[in-house]
Protein backbone atom coordinates (compact mmCIF):
# COMPACT_ATOMS: atom_id res chain seq x y z
CA UNK A 1 0.00 0.00 0.00
CA UNK A 2 1.00 3.64 -0.29
CA UNK A 3 -0.14 7.13 0.59
CA UNK A 4 -2.79 7.95 -2.01
CA UNK A 5 -2.53 11.54 -3.23
CA UNK A 6 -4.03 13.42 -6.14
CA UNK A 7 -1.68 14.77 -8.77
CA UNK A 8 -2.58 18.28 -7.59
CA UNK A 9 -1.55 17.38 -4.02
CA UNK A 10 1.67 15.81 -5.31
CA UNK A 11 2.47 18.91 -7.36
CA UNK A 12 2.08 21.02 -4.25
CA UNK A 13 4.13 18.61 -2.13
CA UNK A 14 7.14 18.53 -4.42
CA UNK A 15 6.92 21.94 -6.07
CA UNK A 16 5.99 20.63 -9.52
CA UNK A 17 4.18 22.17 -12.47
CA UNK A 18 1.41 19.87 -13.64
CA UNK A 19 1.08 19.57 -17.41
CA UNK A 20 -1.29 17.37 -19.41
CA UNK A 21 -2.63 17.01 -22.95
CA UNK A 22 -5.64 19.21 -23.65
CA UNK A 23 -7.78 16.09 -24.00
CA UNK A 24 -7.10 15.06 -20.37
CA UNK A 25 -9.85 16.52 -18.21
CA UNK A 26 -9.60 16.84 -14.44
CA UNK A 27 -5.99 15.72 -14.42
CA UNK A 28 -5.31 17.24 -11.00
CA UNK A 29 -7.88 14.92 -9.44
CA UNK A 30 -6.18 11.75 -10.69
CA UNK A 31 -4.88 9.68 -7.77
CA UNK A 32 -1.49 8.01 -7.54
CA UNK A 33 -1.91 4.48 -6.19
CA UNK A 34 1.82 4.15 -5.50
CA UNK A 35 5.26 5.47 -6.43
CA UNK A 36 8.13 3.98 -8.40
CA UNK A 37 11.50 4.71 -10.02
CA UNK A 38 11.58 1.43 -11.97
CA UNK A 39 9.58 1.15 -15.20
CA UNK A 40 9.97 -2.64 -15.14
CA UNK A 41 8.04 -3.15 -11.93
CA UNK A 42 5.74 -0.13 -11.83
CA UNK A 43 2.10 -0.98 -11.19
CA UNK A 44 -1.02 0.40 -12.80
CA UNK A 45 -1.98 3.79 -11.41
CA UNK A 46 1.44 4.47 -9.87
CA UNK A 47 3.47 7.65 -10.29
CA UNK A 48 6.81 7.27 -12.09
CA UNK A 49 9.77 9.39 -10.98
CA UNK A 50 12.24 9.63 -13.87
CA UNK A 51 15.37 9.83 -11.73
CA UNK A 52 18.93 9.74 -13.03
CA UNK A 53 21.06 6.99 -11.55
CA UNK A 54 24.75 6.25 -11.93
CA UNK A 55 24.20 4.26 -15.14
CA UNK A 56 20.68 4.95 -16.39
CA UNK A 57 18.38 7.93 -16.83
CA UNK A 58 14.73 7.32 -15.97
CA UNK A 59 13.64 9.75 -18.69
CA UNK A 60 14.55 7.08 -21.24
CA UNK A 61 11.99 4.75 -19.70
CA UNK A 62 8.96 7.06 -19.41
CA UNK A 63 7.19 5.45 -22.41
CA UNK A 64 7.64 2.00 -20.83
CA UNK A 65 6.27 3.26 -17.52
CA UNK A 66 3.22 4.78 -19.23
CA UNK A 67 2.69 1.55 -21.18
CA UNK A 68 2.69 -0.35 -17.88
CA UNK A 69 -0.07 1.88 -16.54
CA UNK A 70 1.69 4.77 -14.78
CA UNK A 71 -0.78 7.53 -13.95
CA UNK A 72 1.82 10.22 -14.67
CA UNK A 73 5.57 10.89 -14.67
CA UNK A 74 7.76 13.31 -12.76
CA UNK A 75 10.24 14.78 -15.24
CA UNK A 76 13.04 17.30 -15.41
CA UNK A 77 12.16 20.67 -16.95
CA UNK A 78 15.39 20.62 -18.96
CA UNK A 79 14.34 17.44 -20.78
CA UNK A 80 10.65 18.07 -21.51
CA UNK A 81 11.41 19.39 -24.97
CA UNK A 82 13.12 16.16 -26.05
CA UNK A 83 10.65 13.68 -24.59
CA UNK A 84 8.99 11.31 -27.10
CA UNK A 85 5.30 11.65 -27.94
CA UNK A 86 4.45 8.64 -25.78
CA UNK A 87 5.61 10.65 -22.78
CA UNK A 88 4.07 13.96 -23.83
CA UNK A 89 0.66 12.32 -24.25
CA UNK A 90 0.55 11.53 -20.52
CA UNK A 91 0.24 13.86 -17.51
CA UNK A 92 3.63 15.21 -16.44
CA UNK A 93 4.82 16.78 -13.21
CA UNK A 94 7.66 19.07 -14.25
CA UNK A 95 10.42 19.85 -11.74
CA UNK A 96 14.01 21.06 -11.77
CA UNK A 97 15.44 17.84 -10.30
CA UNK A 98 13.45 14.61 -10.16
CA UNK A 99 15.39 13.04 -7.27
CA UNK A 100 15.00 16.20 -5.20
CA UNK A 101 11.28 16.15 -6.04
CA UNK A 102 11.09 12.57 -4.73
CA UNK A 103 12.80 13.69 -1.52
CA UNK A 104 10.52 16.71 -1.17
CA UNK A 105 7.35 14.66 -1.62
CA UNK A 106 8.54 12.03 0.86
CA UNK A 107 9.35 14.74 3.42
CA UNK A 108 5.95 16.34 2.81
CA UNK A 109 4.15 13.02 3.36
CA UNK A 110 6.18 12.20 6.46
CA UNK A 111 5.39 15.56 8.10
CA UNK A 112 1.74 15.45 7.09
CA UNK A 113 1.50 11.92 8.57
CA UNK A 114 2.99 13.11 11.87
CA UNK A 115 3.54 9.76 13.60
CA UNK A 116 6.67 8.48 15.36
CA UNK A 117 9.63 7.72 13.11
CA UNK A 118 12.27 5.23 14.30
CA UNK A 119 15.48 5.16 12.25
CA UNK A 120 18.20 2.51 12.48
CA UNK A 121 21.78 2.73 11.26
CA UNK A 122 25.04 0.91 11.87
CA UNK A 123 27.86 -0.81 10.02
CA UNK A 124 26.31 -4.26 10.47
CA UNK A 125 22.94 -5.63 11.52
CA UNK A 126 20.76 -2.73 10.34
CA UNK A 127 18.20 -4.82 8.51
CA UNK A 128 17.99 -7.54 11.16
CA UNK A 129 17.64 -4.92 13.90
CA UNK A 130 14.97 -3.08 11.89
CA UNK A 131 13.03 -6.32 11.47
CA UNK A 132 13.32 -7.09 15.19
CA UNK A 133 12.20 -3.61 16.24
CA UNK A 134 9.26 -3.66 13.84
CA UNK A 135 8.18 -7.08 15.11
CA UNK A 136 8.39 -6.05 18.77
CA UNK A 137 6.43 -2.84 18.16
CA UNK A 138 3.83 -4.68 16.08
CA UNK A 139 2.83 -6.62 19.19
CA UNK A 140 0.72 -3.59 20.16
CA UNK A 141 1.02 -0.93 17.44
CA UNK A 142 0.29 -0.44 13.74
CA UNK A 143 3.77 -0.34 12.21
CA UNK A 144 5.16 0.54 8.79
CA UNK A 145 8.43 -1.31 8.25
CA UNK A 146 10.70 -0.42 5.37
CA UNK A 147 11.03 -3.28 2.88
CA UNK A 148 14.32 -5.11 2.50
CA UNK A 149 17.28 -2.78 2.78
CA UNK A 150 15.88 0.15 0.77
CA UNK A 151 17.85 2.59 2.88
CA UNK A 152 19.50 5.10 0.54
CA UNK A 153 18.57 8.33 -1.24
CA UNK A 154 16.43 6.37 -3.71
CA UNK A 155 14.92 3.70 -1.50
CA UNK A 156 14.20 5.55 1.74
CA UNK A 157 11.85 8.18 0.24
CA UNK A 158 9.91 5.42 -1.51
CA UNK A 159 9.44 3.77 1.87
CA UNK A 160 8.09 7.00 3.38
CA UNK A 161 5.58 7.24 0.55
CA UNK A 162 4.11 3.95 1.83
CA UNK A 163 2.93 5.67 5.01
CA UNK A 164 -0.81 5.41 5.70
CA UNK A 165 -2.90 7.34 8.25
CA UNK A 166 -3.44 4.19 10.33
CA UNK A 167 0.28 3.68 10.91
CA UNK A 168 1.20 4.67 14.45
CA UNK A 169 4.93 4.25 14.03
CA UNK A 170 7.37 3.79 11.13
CA UNK A 171 10.61 1.81 11.36
CA UNK A 172 13.14 2.62 8.67
CA UNK A 173 16.74 1.83 7.89
CA UNK A 174 19.42 4.39 6.98
CA UNK A 175 22.52 3.27 5.11
CA UNK A 176 25.51 5.26 4.03
CA UNK A 177 28.87 4.93 2.33
CA UNK A 178 29.96 8.58 2.53
CA UNK A 179 29.86 11.30 5.15
CA UNK A 180 26.71 13.41 5.02
CA UNK A 181 24.37 10.72 3.72
CA UNK A 182 22.74 9.97 7.08
CA UNK A 183 22.19 13.70 7.61
CA UNK A 184 20.54 13.95 4.17
CA UNK A 185 18.25 11.00 4.87
CA UNK A 186 17.38 12.39 8.29
CA UNK A 187 16.30 15.70 6.74
CA UNK A 188 13.80 13.72 4.66
CA UNK A 189 12.58 11.30 7.33
CA UNK A 190 12.76 13.58 10.41
CA UNK A 191 13.33 10.68 12.86
CA UNK A 192 12.05 11.01 16.42
CA UNK A 193 14.04 8.04 17.72
CA UNK A 194 17.40 6.81 16.46
CA UNK A 195 19.02 3.39 16.94
CA UNK A 196 22.73 2.81 16.26
CA UNK A 197 24.00 -0.76 16.27
CA UNK A 198 27.76 -0.42 15.79
CA UNK A 199 30.66 1.18 13.96
CA UNK A 200 32.68 -1.19 11.79
CA UNK A 201 34.81 -1.29 8.69
CA UNK A 202 32.03 -1.41 6.07
CA UNK A 203 32.69 1.20 3.32
CA UNK A 204 35.94 2.18 5.04
CA UNK A 205 37.61 2.89 1.68
CA UNK A 206 35.49 6.06 1.45
CA UNK A 207 36.79 7.48 4.75
CA UNK A 208 40.34 8.80 4.82
CA UNK A 209 40.29 8.74 8.63
CA UNK A 210 39.06 5.14 8.91
CA UNK A 211 36.66 4.05 11.63
CA UNK A 212 36.66 7.45 13.33
CA UNK A 213 35.27 8.94 10.10
CA UNK A 214 32.65 6.20 9.91
CA UNK A 215 31.73 6.92 13.53
CA UNK A 216 31.23 10.62 12.78
CA UNK A 217 29.01 9.69 9.83
CA UNK A 218 26.87 7.39 12.01
CA UNK A 219 26.65 10.10 14.68
CA UNK A 220 24.76 12.23 12.15
CA UNK A 221 21.64 10.31 13.18
CA UNK A 222 21.99 11.40 16.81
CA UNK A 223 22.60 14.99 15.67
CA UNK A 224 19.35 14.87 13.69
CA UNK A 225 17.22 14.00 16.73
CA UNK A 226 15.38 16.73 18.60
CA UNK A 227 15.74 17.38 22.32
CA UNK A 228 12.48 15.43 22.72
CA UNK A 229 13.92 12.45 20.87
CA UNK A 230 15.49 9.24 22.14
CA UNK A 231 18.87 7.82 21.11
CA UNK A 232 19.17 4.03 21.51
CA UNK A 233 22.86 3.17 21.62
CA UNK A 234 24.85 -0.06 21.78
CA UNK A 235 27.01 0.44 24.84
CA UNK A 236 29.24 -2.50 23.85
CA UNK A 237 30.59 -0.61 20.84
CA UNK A 238 33.50 1.69 21.80
CA UNK A 239 32.33 4.42 19.43
CA UNK A 240 28.55 4.15 19.77
CA UNK A 241 28.82 3.96 23.55
CA UNK A 242 30.13 7.53 23.52
CA UNK A 243 27.45 8.99 21.26
CA UNK A 244 25.12 9.96 24.12
CA UNK A 245 27.51 12.33 25.90
CA UNK A 246 26.44 15.54 24.13
CA UNK A 247 22.89 14.60 23.21
CA UNK A 248 20.26 16.74 24.90
CA UNK A 249 17.47 14.18 24.70
CA UNK A 250 17.00 10.83 26.39
CA UNK A 251 19.62 8.11 25.90
CA UNK A 252 18.84 4.40 26.28
CA UNK A 253 21.78 1.99 26.21
CA UNK A 254 21.41 -1.66 25.23
CA UNK A 255 23.91 -4.52 25.11
CA UNK A 256 25.87 -6.63 27.57
CA UNK A 257 27.89 -3.90 29.28
CA UNK A 258 27.20 -2.42 32.72
CA UNK A 259 25.64 0.71 31.23
CA UNK A 260 22.97 -1.31 29.38
CA UNK A 261 19.29 -1.56 30.28
CA UNK A 262 18.02 -3.83 28.81
CA UNK A 263 21.17 -5.83 29.49
CA UNK A 264 22.23 -9.21 28.12
CA UNK A 265 23.38 -11.40 31.01
CA UNK A 266 23.91 -14.70 29.20
CA UNK A 267 23.78 -16.15 25.69
CA UNK A 268 23.48 -19.85 24.87
CA UNK A 269 23.51 -21.32 21.37
CA UNK A 270 21.82 -24.63 20.59
CA UNK A 271 24.07 -27.61 19.96
CA UNK A 272 21.34 -29.88 18.60
CA UNK A 273 22.14 -30.63 14.93
CA UNK A 274 18.67 -32.18 14.50
CA UNK A 275 16.84 -28.98 15.52
CA UNK A 276 14.58 -27.64 12.75
CA UNK A 277 15.85 -24.11 13.42
CA UNK A 278 18.87 -22.85 15.36
CA UNK A 279 17.99 -21.53 18.80
CA UNK A 280 19.70 -18.61 20.51
CA UNK A 281 18.77 -18.42 24.20
CA UNK A 282 19.26 -14.98 25.76
CA UNK A 283 18.86 -13.97 29.38
CA UNK A 284 18.09 -10.29 29.87
CA UNK A 285 17.66 -7.82 32.70
CA UNK A 286 15.17 -5.04 31.98
CA UNK A 287 14.60 -2.45 34.71
CA UNK A 288 16.02 -4.93 37.19
CA UNK A 289 13.72 -7.81 36.23
CA UNK A 290 14.97 -11.04 34.57
CA UNK A 291 13.57 -12.29 31.27
CA UNK A 292 14.55 -15.00 28.79
CA UNK A 293 14.18 -15.26 25.02
CA UNK A 294 14.56 -18.16 22.60
CA UNK A 295 15.29 -16.76 19.15
CA UNK A 296 15.17 -18.82 15.96
CA UNK A 297 18.48 -17.31 14.87
CA UNK A 298 22.13 -18.25 14.50
CA UNK A 299 24.94 -16.02 15.74
CA UNK A 300 25.49 -14.30 19.05
CA UNK A 301 25.29 -10.88 17.35
CA UNK A 302 21.52 -11.39 17.05
CA UNK A 303 21.28 -11.00 20.84
CA UNK A 304 22.28 -7.35 20.49
CA UNK A 305 19.67 -6.83 17.76
CA UNK A 306 17.02 -8.36 20.03
CA UNK A 307 17.76 -6.20 23.07
CA UNK A 308 17.75 -3.12 20.84
CA UNK A 309 14.21 -4.13 19.89
CA UNK A 310 13.27 -4.63 23.55
CA UNK A 311 14.61 -1.18 24.38
CA UNK A 312 12.56 0.53 21.67
CA UNK A 313 9.43 -1.48 22.46
CA UNK A 314 9.71 -0.66 26.17
CA UNK A 315 9.90 3.07 25.46
CA UNK A 316 6.87 2.76 23.16
CA UNK A 317 4.82 1.17 25.94
CA UNK A 318 4.79 -2.37 24.58
CA UNK A 319 4.80 -4.93 27.45
CA UNK A 320 8.11 -6.75 27.45
CA UNK A 321 6.40 -10.17 27.48
CA UNK A 322 4.54 -9.25 24.27
CA UNK A 323 7.72 -7.93 22.66
CA UNK A 324 9.62 -11.12 23.54
CA UNK A 325 6.85 -13.31 22.10
CA UNK A 326 7.01 -11.34 18.86
CA UNK A 327 10.80 -11.67 18.67
CA UNK A 328 10.63 -15.40 19.30
CA UNK A 329 8.38 -15.78 16.25
CA UNK A 330 10.91 -14.21 13.85
CA UNK A 331 12.87 -16.43 11.49
CA UNK A 332 16.06 -15.55 9.63
CA UNK A 333 15.56 -13.27 6.65
CA UNK A 334 16.43 -14.13 3.07
CA UNK A 335 20.18 -14.92 2.79
CA UNK A 336 20.68 -13.67 6.36
CA UNK A 337 21.62 -16.76 8.34
CA UNK A 338 19.08 -19.08 6.74
CA UNK A 339 19.56 -22.77 7.51
CA UNK A 340 19.17 -24.96 4.40
CA UNK A 341 19.29 -28.76 4.43
CA UNK A 342 20.21 -30.33 1.10
CA UNK A 343 18.80 -33.59 -0.27
CA UNK A 344 19.58 -36.11 -2.96
CA UNK A 345 23.28 -36.81 -3.42
CA UNK A 346 24.03 -34.07 -0.88
CA UNK A 347 21.64 -35.33 1.77
CA UNK A 348 22.89 -34.53 5.24
CA UNK A 349 24.67 -31.34 4.20
CA UNK A 350 23.60 -28.17 6.00
CA UNK A 351 24.13 -24.71 4.46
CA UNK A 352 24.11 -21.53 6.53
CA UNK A 353 23.13 -19.04 3.84
CA UNK A 354 24.42 -15.66 4.99
CA UNK A 355 25.32 -14.55 1.49
CA UNK A 356 23.37 -11.30 1.41
CA UNK A 357 26.42 -9.20 2.29
CA UNK A 358 29.59 -9.20 4.34
CA UNK A 359 31.97 -7.05 6.33
CA UNK A 360 34.80 -7.99 8.70
CA UNK A 361 32.79 -7.73 11.93
CA UNK A 362 29.81 -9.69 10.60
CA UNK A 363 32.04 -12.38 9.07
CA UNK A 364 33.96 -12.96 12.28
CA UNK A 365 30.73 -13.16 14.28
CA UNK A 366 29.37 -15.81 11.90
CA UNK A 367 32.67 -17.71 12.04
CA UNK A 368 32.12 -18.09 15.78
CA UNK A 369 28.55 -19.26 15.12
CA UNK A 370 29.85 -21.85 12.66
CA UNK A 371 32.50 -23.00 15.12
CA UNK A 372 29.83 -23.61 17.78
CA UNK A 373 27.68 -25.80 15.51
CA UNK A 374 28.08 -29.62 15.69
CA UNK A 375 29.32 -31.10 12.40
CA UNK A 376 31.54 -33.70 10.82
CA UNK A 377 33.29 -30.81 9.06
CA UNK A 378 32.75 -27.09 9.46
CA UNK A 379 33.36 -25.35 6.15
CA UNK A 380 33.68 -21.60 5.61
CA UNK A 381 33.12 -20.22 2.11
CA UNK A 382 34.09 -16.56 2.44
CA UNK A 383 33.71 -14.24 -0.51
CA UNK A 384 35.75 -11.09 -0.94
CA UNK A 385 34.60 -8.15 1.20
CA UNK A 386 34.30 -5.02 -0.93
CA UNK A 387 34.73 -1.28 -0.26
CA UNK A 388 37.56 -1.77 2.22
CA UNK A 389 40.18 0.10 0.17
CA UNK A 390 43.73 0.07 1.50
CA UNK A 391 42.51 -1.78 4.61
CA UNK A 392 41.34 -4.79 2.59
CA UNK A 393 44.45 -7.00 2.85
CA UNK A 394 44.74 -6.63 6.62
CA UNK A 395 41.02 -7.02 7.29
CA UNK A 396 40.76 -10.13 5.13
CA UNK A 397 43.84 -11.54 6.82
CA UNK A 398 42.35 -10.94 10.27
CA UNK A 399 39.23 -12.86 9.25
CA UNK A 400 41.30 -15.75 7.90
CA UNK A 401 43.28 -15.92 11.12
CA UNK A 402 40.02 -15.86 13.13
CA UNK A 403 38.66 -18.77 11.09
CA UNK A 404 41.80 -20.82 11.61
CA UNK A 405 41.95 -20.11 15.33
CA UNK A 406 38.27 -21.05 15.66
CA UNK A 407 39.11 -24.51 14.38
CA UNK A 408 37.18 -24.33 11.10
CA UNK A 409 38.01 -27.53 9.19
CA UNK A 410 37.86 -26.19 5.63
CA UNK A 411 38.44 -22.54 4.73
CA UNK A 412 37.56 -21.44 1.20
CA UNK A 413 38.24 -17.90 0.00
CA UNK A 414 36.48 -16.66 -3.13
CA UNK A 415 37.75 -13.87 -5.39
CA UNK A 416 40.17 -10.99 -5.10
CA UNK A 417 41.22 -9.98 -1.62
CA UNK A 418 39.95 -13.26 -0.17
CA UNK A 419 43.38 -14.51 -1.18
CA UNK A 420 44.74 -12.64 1.86
CA UNK A 421 42.16 -14.46 3.98
CA UNK A 422 43.35 -17.90 2.90
CA UNK A 423 47.01 -16.96 3.19
CA UNK A 424 46.57 -15.81 6.81
CA UNK A 425 44.49 -18.90 7.54
CA UNK A 426 47.28 -21.09 6.21
CA UNK A 427 49.76 -19.51 8.61
CA UNK A 428 47.51 -19.95 11.66
CA UNK A 429 45.68 -23.18 10.80
CA UNK A 430 45.62 -26.35 12.86
CA UNK A 431 47.17 -29.46 11.27
CA UNK A 432 44.76 -31.05 8.82
CA UNK A 433 42.90 -27.85 7.96
CA UNK A 434 42.05 -27.68 4.25
CA UNK A 435 42.49 -24.26 2.69
CA UNK A 436 41.36 -23.33 -0.82
CA UNK A 437 41.26 -20.16 -2.94
CA UNK A 438 38.78 -19.92 -5.83
CA UNK A 439 38.42 -17.24 -8.49
CA UNK A 440 34.64 -16.66 -8.47
CA UNK A 441 31.20 -17.87 -7.42
CA UNK A 442 30.98 -20.34 -10.31
CA UNK A 443 34.20 -21.99 -9.19
CA UNK A 444 32.83 -22.08 -5.64
CA UNK A 445 29.70 -23.80 -6.91
CA UNK A 446 31.73 -26.51 -8.66
CA UNK A 447 33.98 -26.99 -5.63
CA UNK A 448 31.02 -27.36 -3.27
CA UNK A 449 29.24 -29.82 -5.54
CA UNK A 450 32.36 -31.98 -5.82
CA UNK A 451 33.54 -31.87 -2.21
CA UNK A 452 30.57 -31.75 0.17
CA UNK A 453 29.46 -34.84 2.03
CA UNK A 454 26.95 -35.81 4.70
CA UNK A 455 27.56 -34.21 8.06
CA UNK A 456 29.14 -31.04 6.63
CA UNK A 457 27.95 -27.65 7.84
CA UNK A 458 28.84 -24.86 5.41
CA UNK A 459 28.75 -21.12 6.07
CA UNK A 460 28.49 -19.10 2.85
CA UNK A 461 29.13 -15.37 3.25
CA UNK A 462 30.42 -12.62 0.96
CA UNK A 463 29.79 -9.13 -0.34
CA UNK A 464 26.92 -8.65 -2.77
CA UNK A 465 29.25 -8.15 -5.70
CA UNK A 466 30.69 -11.65 -5.31
CA UNK A 467 27.25 -13.22 -5.87
CA UNK A 468 27.86 -16.29 -3.72
CA UNK A 469 24.11 -16.92 -3.56
CA UNK A 470 24.50 -18.31 -7.09
CA UNK A 471 26.66 -21.13 -5.73
CA UNK A 472 23.90 -22.08 -3.32
CA UNK A 473 21.19 -21.93 -5.98
CA UNK A 474 23.27 -24.15 -8.27
CA UNK A 475 23.65 -26.70 -5.47
CA UNK A 476 19.91 -26.73 -4.82
CA UNK A 477 18.87 -27.04 -8.47
CA UNK A 478 21.53 -29.47 -9.71
CA UNK A 479 21.21 -31.87 -6.80
């Protein structure tokens, strides 16, 4: 669903000039049923924003959007004169900059809606934390949750345009790979509450001053909050734990440290290889009272995501028992720690599909989760981690050393800088450890198909650009 607005209301909200063929009567009263920047997936009655991306210009796809049923298109004034007839025969909202118009309309809708906006950022765990917070809040409230990881200058405003009057709270994700991006997104979304999970090495190649620069970029979310806002901060992270010092509003710390409330007091991971889903048992103190959770998740890092959700839910007035019940019902998201059991010739092989993305902190956390899982052989398939710049060799090497020291039986590096991972693993490995370097995801697929056997547990993790999910799909379809 989406906020339904007339074209006249949209023109006012984003400062557009509404133009239409003379034969189109009452054009201002036409209603947009949704909003899109992709002519391939646009639905009938939706408004098409012809934005310019890094590779493509949406103006080239206006005829396709109209053919697919778009009610109108938002176009740049500088390009109206060269638009084809198929575009000129449809209603147009003419603006100076189509992306800025998308931002302006999203900001207009958000402020007109007026509910509570919860924004989440961090180097790792943003999407999982967003999902956990939305689930906990949904135990008592009507919640809009942003879809997937649409968290940038294109995706976030489209999420805000999905707001409906019945939504009491919105939970959105804010990503960044350069300084200033969180601040830009916050100007659009106007968050009331901000949650920061951690500061890690993701996108570090874009920050000349390393993690301290990343920390300053994440702090932009705290700076965007009003004095009536709440900052939810992971007190276990050395950077994030300091973010509350100069904030004039309320600060709520979560984690395992002494400053945290809710506070993790113990974490236990299941050791039952026959369990249908992995179980993460977490003991928590909230306002001095003990509680326990049993999450259907793998990896101790999910405990931090869960207590962040408890913290937000508690401040929103959701009973902690209801929030815990909602968290216990969550299952791992697509390619985010999913447990897959193969059949056929690979019967008895278990895949931990965490191939959605990777960074050094997340990889090392999942290595520990793999090490804790019973298996005949524990196999790590680690794709190259991108956007690490000059830090890439050392960060890959640290992950390889961590895998070797954790006792992983087979360590496979895939593509590029993963060669540093396998080299460091070789130097630190226990006797009998098998270490392999492969050039790409296709080679990884062939290696897995030829080498896996019953009793193996395989963690597959890599940056999006490595496309390791293809190796898993090949295993599933060719088996």
